[in-house]
Each structure stands twice: as structure tokens, then as C-alpha cells.
Amino acid sequence: MKVGVTLNINGKDHAVRVEPRRTLADAIREECGQTGTHLGCEHGVCGACTVLLDGEPVRSCLMFAVQAAGRRIRTVEGLADGEKLHPLQRAFIEHHGLQCGYCTPGFLMLAAGTLERNPDISDGELKEILSSNLCRCTGYKNIVRAVRAAAAEMKARR
């Protein structure tokens, strides 16, 4: 049995019909066509599926789409302003914070949610938060460097 829900993704409403057990990650990708949100482990461990739900980072593979109805969902597609990349996106490019790129959307959304809440986050806190997402390619040093650079730019623009 499918139920109707409206998912607000990046400011746009998507009226979809999903089974109540359909994950938010699957609905975002398959029903709403936002394929930037990646699926990795599907157990909430890797963080590739991280999106912002009302500004808070969540693992979209661990919640049902029906739980997100009426809430603001922000995916990696919602970071850029048209053709202008978000400071985090630019910093990941400039500081080589990605290699294969599979984990990158999850890191970008985790970092965006974190920096928007706490732009003055300490290095220790930042590393602790970023360690919740997995990357098999970069070794994290460049990811941390990229997030720090973006934080400085975002803080300067306030």
C-alpha cells in the first residue's frame, strides 16, 4: 500500500506516493530524481547518504520518507546557487578533498550543517564530526583542510 507524501527538497515540493517503509534516501533518488545523495552501506555507518533535515545532518538511509513529510530537506544539489558553487564545493576542489567522489556529497552536507550551526568549531570537534563519515580514498587530511578553508570563507562573508 502506498501513501502520498510531499517532500520539500531544496525548496521545491515533490508530491510522491511511497510505501511507508520506503527510505528517504531511496525516495530522494528514485521518486524525486535527486541522485546526488548516494547510497553506500544502507546501515547508517558510511554517511554517503547524509542530507540536511531542517538544517540537521541525518542519514537518509535510516529514516522513512514519510517521516520527512512537512520538513525541509536539503541535498547536495541544493548547495550551489545556480552556477555559483558553495564555498564547501569550491574548497573540496581547491584542496583536493575528493578522489573517487562517492562519499563527497555526504561530507559536503555534514560539513554544511555543521558550519551553519557552529562556524567557530574547534579542530578537535570538526575532526570528531567528520570522522562519522567514511572515505576510502583521501585519508581525510584534505577533507579537513577543505572544510577549514570553507569555514574561513563562510565566516568572512557574514
N, C-alpha and C. Protein backbone atom coordinates (compact mmCIF):
# COMPACT_ATOMS: atom_id res chain seq x y z
N MET A 1 0.84 -1.17 0.00
CA MET A 1 0.00 0.00 0.00
C MET A 1 0.89 1.24 0.00
N LYS A 2 0.66 2.15 -0.92
CA LYS A 2 1.43 3.38 -0.99
C LYS A 2 0.64 4.53 -0.38
N VAL A 3 1.39 5.47 0.18
CA VAL A 3 0.77 6.66 0.77
C VAL A 3 1.34 7.89 0.07
N GLY A 4 0.55 8.93 0.02
CA GLY A 4 1.01 10.17 -0.58
C GLY A 4 1.72 11.03 0.44
N VAL A 5 2.89 11.54 0.08
CA VAL A 5 3.63 12.47 0.91
C VAL A 5 4.20 13.57 0.04
N THR A 6 4.43 14.70 0.64
CA THR A 6 5.10 15.79 -0.05
C THR A 6 6.44 16.01 0.61
N LEU A 7 7.48 15.87 -0.18
CA LEU A 7 8.84 16.08 0.31
C LEU A 7 9.33 17.42 -0.23
N ASN A 8 9.75 18.29 0.66
CA ASN A 8 10.29 19.59 0.25
C ASN A 8 11.80 19.45 0.17
N ILE A 9 12.30 19.36 -1.06
CA ILE A 9 13.72 19.16 -1.29
C ILE A 9 14.29 20.39 -1.96
N ASN A 10 15.24 21.01 -1.30
CA ASN A 10 15.90 22.21 -1.81
C ASN A 10 14.88 23.29 -2.20
N GLY A 11 13.84 23.41 -1.38
CA GLY A 11 12.84 24.46 -1.58
C GLY A 11 11.74 24.13 -2.57
N LYS A 12 11.78 22.93 -3.14
CA LYS A 12 10.76 22.54 -4.12
C LYS A 12 9.97 21.35 -3.57
N ASP A 13 8.65 21.44 -3.66
CA ASP A 13 7.80 20.34 -3.20
C ASP A 13 7.73 19.23 -4.25
N HIS A 14 7.83 18.01 -3.77
CA HIS A 14 7.71 16.81 -4.60
C HIS A 14 6.59 15.96 -4.01
N ALA A 15 5.46 15.91 -4.68
CA ALA A 15 4.36 15.06 -4.23
C ALA A 15 4.61 13.66 -4.79
N VAL A 16 4.79 12.70 -3.89
CA VAL A 16 5.11 11.33 -4.31
C VAL A 16 4.23 10.34 -3.57
N ARG A 17 4.15 9.16 -4.13
CA ARG A 17 3.46 8.04 -3.47
C ARG A 17 4.51 6.98 -3.19
N VAL A 18 4.63 6.62 -1.91
CA VAL A 18 5.65 5.67 -1.49
C VAL A 18 5.06 4.67 -0.51
N GLU A 19 5.67 3.52 -0.45
CA GLU A 19 5.32 2.58 0.60
C GLU A 19 5.83 3.17 1.91
N PRO A 20 5.12 2.98 3.01
CA PRO A 20 5.55 3.55 4.29
C PRO A 20 6.96 3.13 4.70
N ARG A 21 7.44 2.00 4.21
CA ARG A 21 8.78 1.52 4.57
C ARG A 21 9.88 2.03 3.63
N ARG A 22 9.53 2.86 2.67
CA ARG A 22 10.50 3.40 1.70
C ARG A 22 11.43 4.37 2.41
N THR A 23 12.74 4.17 2.25
CA THR A 23 13.68 5.06 2.93
C THR A 23 13.67 6.44 2.26
N LEU A 24 14.06 7.42 3.03
CA LEU A 24 14.17 8.78 2.49
C LEU A 24 15.20 8.81 1.38
N ALA A 25 16.31 8.12 1.55
CA ALA A 25 17.35 8.09 0.52
C ALA A 25 16.80 7.57 -0.80
N ASP A 26 16.07 6.46 -0.75
CA ASP A 26 15.50 5.91 -1.98
C ASP A 26 14.48 6.84 -2.60
N ALA A 27 13.65 7.47 -1.79
CA ALA A 27 12.63 8.39 -2.32
C ALA A 27 13.28 9.61 -2.95
N ILE A 28 14.31 10.15 -2.30
CA ILE A 28 15.02 11.30 -2.85
C ILE A 28 15.58 10.95 -4.22
N ARG A 29 16.22 9.81 -4.33
CA ARG A 29 16.87 9.42 -5.58
C ARG A 29 15.86 8.98 -6.65
N GLU A 30 14.98 8.08 -6.28
CA GLU A 30 14.15 7.42 -7.29
C GLU A 30 12.83 8.13 -7.57
N GLU A 31 12.18 8.63 -6.55
CA GLU A 31 10.90 9.31 -6.79
C GLU A 31 11.09 10.78 -7.12
N CYS A 32 12.15 11.39 -6.60
CA CYS A 32 12.34 12.83 -6.78
C CYS A 32 13.47 13.18 -7.74
N GLY A 33 14.23 12.19 -8.18
CA GLY A 33 15.26 12.41 -9.20
C GLY A 33 16.49 13.17 -8.74
N GLN A 34 16.71 13.26 -7.43
CA GLN A 34 17.88 13.95 -6.90
C GLN A 34 18.95 12.90 -6.61
N THR A 35 19.76 12.59 -7.60
CA THR A 35 20.68 11.46 -7.49
C THR A 35 22.03 11.82 -6.86
N GLY A 36 22.20 13.05 -6.42
CA GLY A 36 23.44 13.43 -5.74
C GLY A 36 23.59 12.77 -4.39
N THR A 37 22.48 12.42 -3.77
CA THR A 37 22.52 11.70 -2.49
C THR A 37 22.88 10.26 -2.80
N HIS A 38 24.02 9.81 -2.29
CA HIS A 38 24.49 8.46 -2.61
C HIS A 38 24.13 7.46 -1.52
N LEU A 39 23.97 6.23 -1.94
CA LEU A 39 23.74 5.12 -1.02
C LEU A 39 25.02 4.31 -0.93
N GLY A 40 25.47 4.07 0.28
CA GLY A 40 26.67 3.26 0.48
C GLY A 40 26.31 1.99 1.20
N CYS A 41 26.42 2.04 2.51
CA CYS A 41 26.22 0.84 3.32
C CYS A 41 24.75 0.51 3.57
N GLU A 42 23.89 1.51 3.51
CA GLU A 42 22.45 1.38 3.81
C GLU A 42 22.20 0.91 5.25
N HIS A 43 23.17 1.17 6.12
CA HIS A 43 23.04 0.84 7.55
C HIS A 43 23.38 2.03 8.44
N GLY A 44 23.55 3.23 7.85
CA GLY A 44 23.85 4.42 8.63
C GLY A 44 25.28 4.54 9.10
N VAL A 45 26.17 3.73 8.55
CA VAL A 45 27.55 3.73 9.01
C VAL A 45 28.44 4.65 8.17
N CYS A 46 28.28 4.65 6.86
CA CYS A 46 29.25 5.33 6.00
C CYS A 46 29.00 6.83 5.82
N GLY A 47 27.77 7.28 5.91
CA GLY A 47 27.47 8.70 5.78
C GLY A 47 27.31 9.21 4.36
N ALA A 48 27.43 8.36 3.36
CA ALA A 48 27.30 8.81 1.97
C ALA A 48 25.92 9.41 1.69
N CYS A 49 24.93 8.99 2.43
CA CYS A 49 23.55 9.43 2.19
C CYS A 49 23.14 10.63 3.04
N THR A 50 24.10 11.30 3.68
CA THR A 50 23.79 12.40 4.58
C THR A 50 23.12 13.55 3.83
N VAL A 51 22.00 14.01 4.38
CA VAL A 51 21.28 15.19 3.89
C VAL A 51 20.98 16.05 5.12
N LEU A 52 20.53 17.27 4.88
CA LEU A 52 20.11 18.12 5.99
C LEU A 52 18.60 18.07 6.10
N LEU A 53 18.12 17.80 7.28
CA LEU A 53 16.69 17.77 7.56
C LEU A 53 16.43 18.87 8.58
N ASP A 54 15.74 19.91 8.13
CA ASP A 54 15.54 21.11 8.97
C ASP A 54 16.88 21.62 9.49
N GLY A 55 17.90 21.56 8.65
CA GLY A 55 19.22 22.08 8.99
C GLY A 55 20.14 21.13 9.72
N GLU A 56 19.65 19.97 10.11
CA GLU A 56 20.46 19.00 10.85
C GLU A 56 20.88 17.84 9.95
N PRO A 57 22.16 17.46 9.99
CA PRO A 57 22.60 16.31 9.19
C PRO A 57 21.93 15.02 9.68
N VAL A 58 21.40 14.25 8.73
CA VAL A 58 20.80 12.95 9.04
C VAL A 58 21.23 11.94 7.99
N ARG A 59 21.23 10.68 8.39
CA ARG A 59 21.49 9.59 7.45
C ARG A 59 20.16 9.25 6.80
N SER A 60 20.02 9.58 5.53
CA SER A 60 18.72 9.39 4.87
C SER A 60 18.40 7.93 4.60
N CYS A 61 19.36 7.02 4.77
CA CYS A 61 19.08 5.60 4.61
C CYS A 61 18.42 5.02 5.87
N LEU A 62 18.47 5.78 6.98
CA LEU A 62 17.95 5.27 8.25
C LEU A 62 16.57 5.80 8.60
N MET A 63 16.01 6.63 7.75
CA MET A 63 14.67 7.13 8.06
C MET A 63 13.75 6.90 6.88
N PHE A 64 12.49 6.86 7.18
CA PHE A 64 11.49 6.65 6.14
C PHE A 64 11.11 7.98 5.53
N ALA A 65 10.76 7.94 4.26
CA ALA A 65 10.34 9.15 3.55
C ALA A 65 9.15 9.80 4.25
N VAL A 66 8.23 9.00 4.75
CA VAL A 66 7.04 9.56 5.41
C VAL A 66 7.41 10.36 6.66
N GLN A 67 8.54 10.06 7.27
CA GLN A 67 8.98 10.81 8.45
C GLN A 67 9.47 12.21 8.08
N ALA A 68 9.81 12.42 6.82
CA ALA A 68 10.34 13.71 6.38
C ALA A 68 9.26 14.62 5.80
N ALA A 69 8.05 14.13 5.71
CA ALA A 69 6.96 14.95 5.15
C ALA A 69 6.79 16.21 6.00
N GLY A 70 6.67 17.35 5.32
CA GLY A 70 6.47 18.62 6.01
C GLY A 70 7.74 19.23 6.59
N ARG A 71 8.87 18.63 6.31
CA ARG A 71 10.15 19.14 6.81
C ARG A 71 11.01 19.60 5.63
N ARG A 72 11.98 20.43 5.91
CA ARG A 72 12.88 20.94 4.85
C ARG A 72 14.05 19.97 4.67
N ILE A 73 14.18 19.46 3.46
CA ILE A 73 15.27 18.55 3.11
C ILE A 73 16.22 19.31 2.19
N ARG A 74 17.50 19.26 2.51
CA ARG A 74 18.49 19.89 1.64
C ARG A 74 19.49 18.83 1.23
N THR A 75 19.66 18.68 -0.07
CA THR A 75 20.60 17.71 -0.62
C THR A 75 21.78 18.45 -1.23
N VAL A 76 22.76 17.72 -1.70
CA VAL A 76 23.94 18.32 -2.30
C VAL A 76 23.56 19.19 -3.51
N GLU A 77 22.47 18.86 -4.18
CA GLU A 77 22.02 19.68 -5.31
C GLU A 77 21.59 21.08 -4.86
N GLY A 78 21.29 21.22 -3.57
CA GLY A 78 20.85 22.49 -3.03
C GLY A 78 21.96 23.36 -2.47
N LEU A 79 23.21 22.94 -2.58
CA LEU A 79 24.32 23.75 -2.06
C LEU A 79 24.66 24.92 -2.98
N ALA A 80 24.83 24.66 -4.24
CA ALA A 80 25.22 25.71 -5.19
C ALA A 80 24.08 26.69 -5.38
N ASP A 81 24.42 27.91 -5.73
CA ASP A 81 23.45 28.95 -6.06
C ASP A 81 23.51 29.13 -7.57
N GLY A 82 22.71 28.35 -8.28
CA GLY A 82 22.78 28.35 -9.74
C GLY A 82 24.12 27.78 -10.18
N GLU A 83 24.88 28.56 -10.92
CA GLU A 83 26.21 28.13 -11.38
C GLU A 83 27.30 28.43 -10.36
N LYS A 84 26.97 29.19 -9.33
CA LYS A 84 27.96 29.58 -8.32
C LYS A 84 28.06 28.49 -7.25
N LEU A 85 29.22 27.87 -7.17
CA LEU A 85 29.41 26.80 -6.19
C LEU A 85 29.43 27.35 -4.76
N HIS A 86 28.98 26.52 -3.85
CA HIS A 86 29.04 26.80 -2.42
C HIS A 86 30.52 26.82 -2.02
N PRO A 87 30.90 27.61 -1.00
CA PRO A 87 32.30 27.61 -0.55
C PRO A 87 32.85 26.22 -0.25
N LEU A 88 32.02 25.33 0.29
CA LEU A 88 32.49 23.97 0.55
C LEU A 88 32.81 23.23 -0.75
N GLN A 89 31.98 23.40 -1.75
CA GLN A 89 32.24 22.73 -3.02
C GLN A 89 33.54 23.22 -3.64
N ARG A 90 33.73 24.53 -3.63
CA ARG A 90 34.97 25.10 -4.18
C ARG A 90 36.18 24.62 -3.39
N ALA A 91 36.05 24.62 -2.06
CA ALA A 91 37.18 24.21 -1.22
C ALA A 91 37.54 22.74 -1.43
N PHE A 92 36.55 21.88 -1.61
CA PHE A 92 36.84 20.47 -1.87
C PHE A 92 37.63 20.32 -3.17
N ILE A 93 37.31 21.13 -4.16
CA ILE A 93 38.05 21.09 -5.43
C ILE A 93 39.46 21.65 -5.23
N GLU A 94 39.55 22.83 -4.64
CA GLU A 94 40.84 23.51 -4.49
C GLU A 94 41.81 22.78 -3.57
N HIS A 95 41.30 22.10 -2.57
CA HIS A 95 42.16 21.42 -1.60
C HIS A 95 42.19 19.91 -1.80
N HIS A 96 41.73 19.46 -2.94
CA HIS A 96 41.76 18.04 -3.30
C HIS A 96 41.13 17.17 -2.23
N GLY A 97 39.93 17.57 -1.80
CA GLY A 97 39.21 16.86 -0.75
C GLY A 97 38.40 15.69 -1.27
N LEU A 98 38.64 15.30 -2.50
CA LEU A 98 37.93 14.16 -3.05
C LEU A 98 38.82 13.43 -4.06
N GLN A 99 38.55 12.17 -4.22
CA GLN A 99 39.20 11.41 -5.28
C GLN A 99 38.11 10.74 -6.11
N CYS A 100 37.55 9.65 -5.65
CA CYS A 100 36.51 9.00 -6.45
C CYS A 100 35.21 9.80 -6.40
N GLY A 101 34.99 10.54 -5.30
CA GLY A 101 33.82 11.40 -5.18
C GLY A 101 32.57 10.75 -4.63
N TYR A 102 32.61 9.46 -4.38
CA TYR A 102 31.38 8.80 -3.94
C TYR A 102 30.92 9.30 -2.57
N CYS A 103 31.82 9.52 -1.66
CA CYS A 103 31.47 9.97 -0.32
C CYS A 103 31.26 11.47 -0.24
N THR A 104 31.69 12.19 -1.26
CA THR A 104 31.73 13.65 -1.21
C THR A 104 30.39 14.31 -0.89
N PRO A 105 29.26 13.92 -1.51
CA PRO A 105 28.00 14.57 -1.15
C PRO A 105 27.67 14.47 0.34
N GLY A 106 27.96 13.32 0.92
CA GLY A 106 27.70 13.15 2.35
C GLY A 106 28.59 14.04 3.20
N PHE A 107 29.87 14.14 2.83
CA PHE A 107 30.78 15.03 3.56
C PHE A 107 30.36 16.48 3.40
N LEU A 108 29.99 16.88 2.19
CA LEU A 108 29.57 18.26 1.96
C LEU A 108 28.36 18.62 2.81
N MET A 109 27.37 17.73 2.87
CA MET A 109 26.17 18.03 3.64
C MET A 109 26.44 18.00 5.14
N LEU A 110 27.26 17.07 5.59
CA LEU A 110 27.64 17.03 7.00
C LEU A 110 28.37 18.32 7.38
N ALA A 111 29.32 18.72 6.54
CA ALA A 111 30.08 19.94 6.82
C ALA A 111 29.21 21.18 6.75
N ALA A 112 28.31 21.25 5.77
CA ALA A 112 27.42 22.41 5.65
C ALA A 112 26.55 22.55 6.89
N GLY A 113 25.94 21.47 7.31
CA GLY A 113 25.10 21.52 8.50
C GLY A 113 25.89 21.90 9.74
N THR A 114 27.10 21.40 9.83
CA THR A 114 27.96 21.69 10.99
C THR A 114 28.39 23.15 11.00
N LEU A 115 28.90 23.66 9.88
CA LEU A 115 29.41 25.03 9.83
C LEU A 115 28.29 26.06 9.92
N GLU A 116 27.12 25.73 9.41
CA GLU A 116 26.00 26.67 9.51
C GLU A 116 25.53 26.81 10.95
N ARG A 117 25.66 25.76 11.73
CA ARG A 117 25.29 25.80 13.15
C ARG A 117 26.41 26.37 14.02
N ASN A 118 27.66 26.05 13.67
CA ASN A 118 28.79 26.43 14.51
C ASN A 118 30.00 26.79 13.65
N PRO A 119 30.04 28.01 13.11
CA PRO A 119 31.15 28.39 12.23
C PRO A 119 32.50 28.47 12.94
N ASP A 120 32.49 28.56 14.27
CA ASP A 120 33.73 28.65 15.04
C ASP A 120 34.13 27.33 15.67
N ILE A 121 33.73 26.24 15.05
CA ILE A 121 34.01 24.91 15.59
C ILE A 121 35.52 24.69 15.74
N SER A 122 35.90 24.04 16.82
CA SER A 122 37.32 23.76 17.06
C SER A 122 37.79 22.64 16.13
N ASP A 123 39.11 22.55 15.98
CA ASP A 123 39.67 21.49 15.14
C ASP A 123 39.29 20.11 15.67
N GLY A 124 39.35 19.95 16.98
CA GLY A 124 39.00 18.66 17.58
C GLY A 124 37.56 18.27 17.33
N GLU A 125 36.66 19.23 17.53
CA GLU A 125 35.23 18.96 17.28
C GLU A 125 34.98 18.65 15.81
N LEU A 126 35.64 19.41 14.93
CA LEU A 126 35.44 19.20 13.49
C LEU A 126 35.91 17.80 13.09
N LYS A 127 37.07 17.41 13.55
CA LYS A 127 37.59 16.07 13.22
C LYS A 127 36.68 14.98 13.77
N GLU A 128 36.17 15.20 14.97
CA GLU A 128 35.24 14.23 15.58
C GLU A 128 33.99 14.08 14.72
N ILE A 129 33.42 15.18 14.28
CA ILE A 129 32.20 15.13 13.46
C ILE A 129 32.49 14.50 12.10
N LEU A 130 33.57 14.94 11.45
CA LEU A 130 33.88 14.40 10.12
C LEU A 130 34.24 12.92 10.17
N SER A 131 34.72 12.45 11.31
CA SER A 131 35.09 11.03 11.42
C SER A 131 33.87 10.12 11.37
N SER A 132 32.68 10.68 11.46
CA SER A 132 31.47 9.85 11.38
C SER A 132 31.15 9.43 9.95
N ASN A 133 31.78 10.06 8.96
CA ASN A 133 31.60 9.66 7.56
C ASN A 133 32.86 8.93 7.10
N LEU A 134 32.67 7.98 6.21
CA LEU A 134 33.79 7.17 5.74
C LEU A 134 34.23 7.56 4.34
N CYS A 135 35.55 7.60 4.16
CA CYS A 135 36.15 7.81 2.85
C CYS A 135 37.26 6.79 2.70
N ARG A 136 37.29 6.12 1.58
CA ARG A 136 38.32 5.10 1.36
C ARG A 136 39.49 5.60 0.53
N CYS A 137 39.40 6.85 0.03
CA CYS A 137 40.42 7.33 -0.90
C CYS A 137 41.37 8.37 -0.35
N THR A 138 40.87 9.39 0.34
CA THR A 138 41.70 10.57 0.58
C THR A 138 42.51 10.57 1.86
N GLY A 139 42.16 9.78 2.83
CA GLY A 139 42.88 9.81 4.09
C GLY A 139 42.46 10.97 4.99
N TYR A 140 41.43 11.69 4.64
CA TYR A 140 40.77 12.72 5.47
C TYR A 140 41.53 14.03 5.61
N LYS A 141 42.84 14.05 5.48
CA LYS A 141 43.60 15.28 5.70
C LYS A 141 43.11 16.40 4.79
N ASN A 142 42.91 16.11 3.51
CA ASN A 142 42.47 17.14 2.58
C ASN A 142 41.00 17.50 2.79
N ILE A 143 40.21 16.57 3.29
CA ILE A 143 38.81 16.88 3.59
C ILE A 143 38.76 17.89 4.73
N VAL A 144 39.53 17.66 5.77
CA VAL A 144 39.58 18.59 6.90
C VAL A 144 40.11 19.94 6.43
N ARG A 145 41.16 19.94 5.63
CA ARG A 145 41.73 21.18 5.10
C ARG A 145 40.67 21.94 4.28
N ALA A 146 39.92 21.24 3.47
CA ALA A 146 38.89 21.88 2.64
C ALA A 146 37.78 22.48 3.51
N VAL A 147 37.35 21.75 4.51
CA VAL A 147 36.27 22.25 5.39
C VAL A 147 36.77 23.47 6.16
N ARG A 148 38.00 23.44 6.62
CA ARG A 148 38.57 24.60 7.34
C ARG A 148 38.61 25.83 6.41
N ALA A 149 39.04 25.65 5.16
CA ALA A 149 39.11 26.77 4.21
C ALA A 149 37.71 27.33 3.95
N ALA A 150 36.75 26.46 3.78
CA ALA A 150 35.38 26.90 3.53
C ALA A 150 34.82 27.63 4.76
N ALA A 151 35.15 27.13 5.94
CA ALA A 151 34.69 27.77 7.18
C ALA A 151 35.21 29.19 7.26
N ALA A 152 36.47 29.39 6.92
CA ALA A 152 37.07 30.72 6.95
C ALA A 152 36.36 31.65 5.96
N GLU A 153 36.09 31.14 4.77
CA GLU A 153 35.38 31.96 3.75
C GLU A 153 33.96 32.27 4.20
N MET A 154 33.27 31.27 4.71
CA MET A 154 31.88 31.49 5.15
C MET A 154 31.82 32.48 6.31
N LYS A 155 32.80 32.41 7.20
CA LYS A 155 32.84 33.32 8.35
C LYS A 155 33.13 34.75 7.88
N ALA A 156 34.02 34.90 6.91
CA ALA A 156 34.39 36.22 6.39
C ALA A 156 33.20 36.89 5.67
N ARG A 157 32.31 36.08 5.10
CA ARG A 157 31.17 36.62 4.35
C ARG A 157 30.02 37.02 5.26
N ARG A 158 30.07 36.70 6.54
CA ARG A 158 28.97 37.03 7.47
C ARG A 158 28.94 38.48 7.80
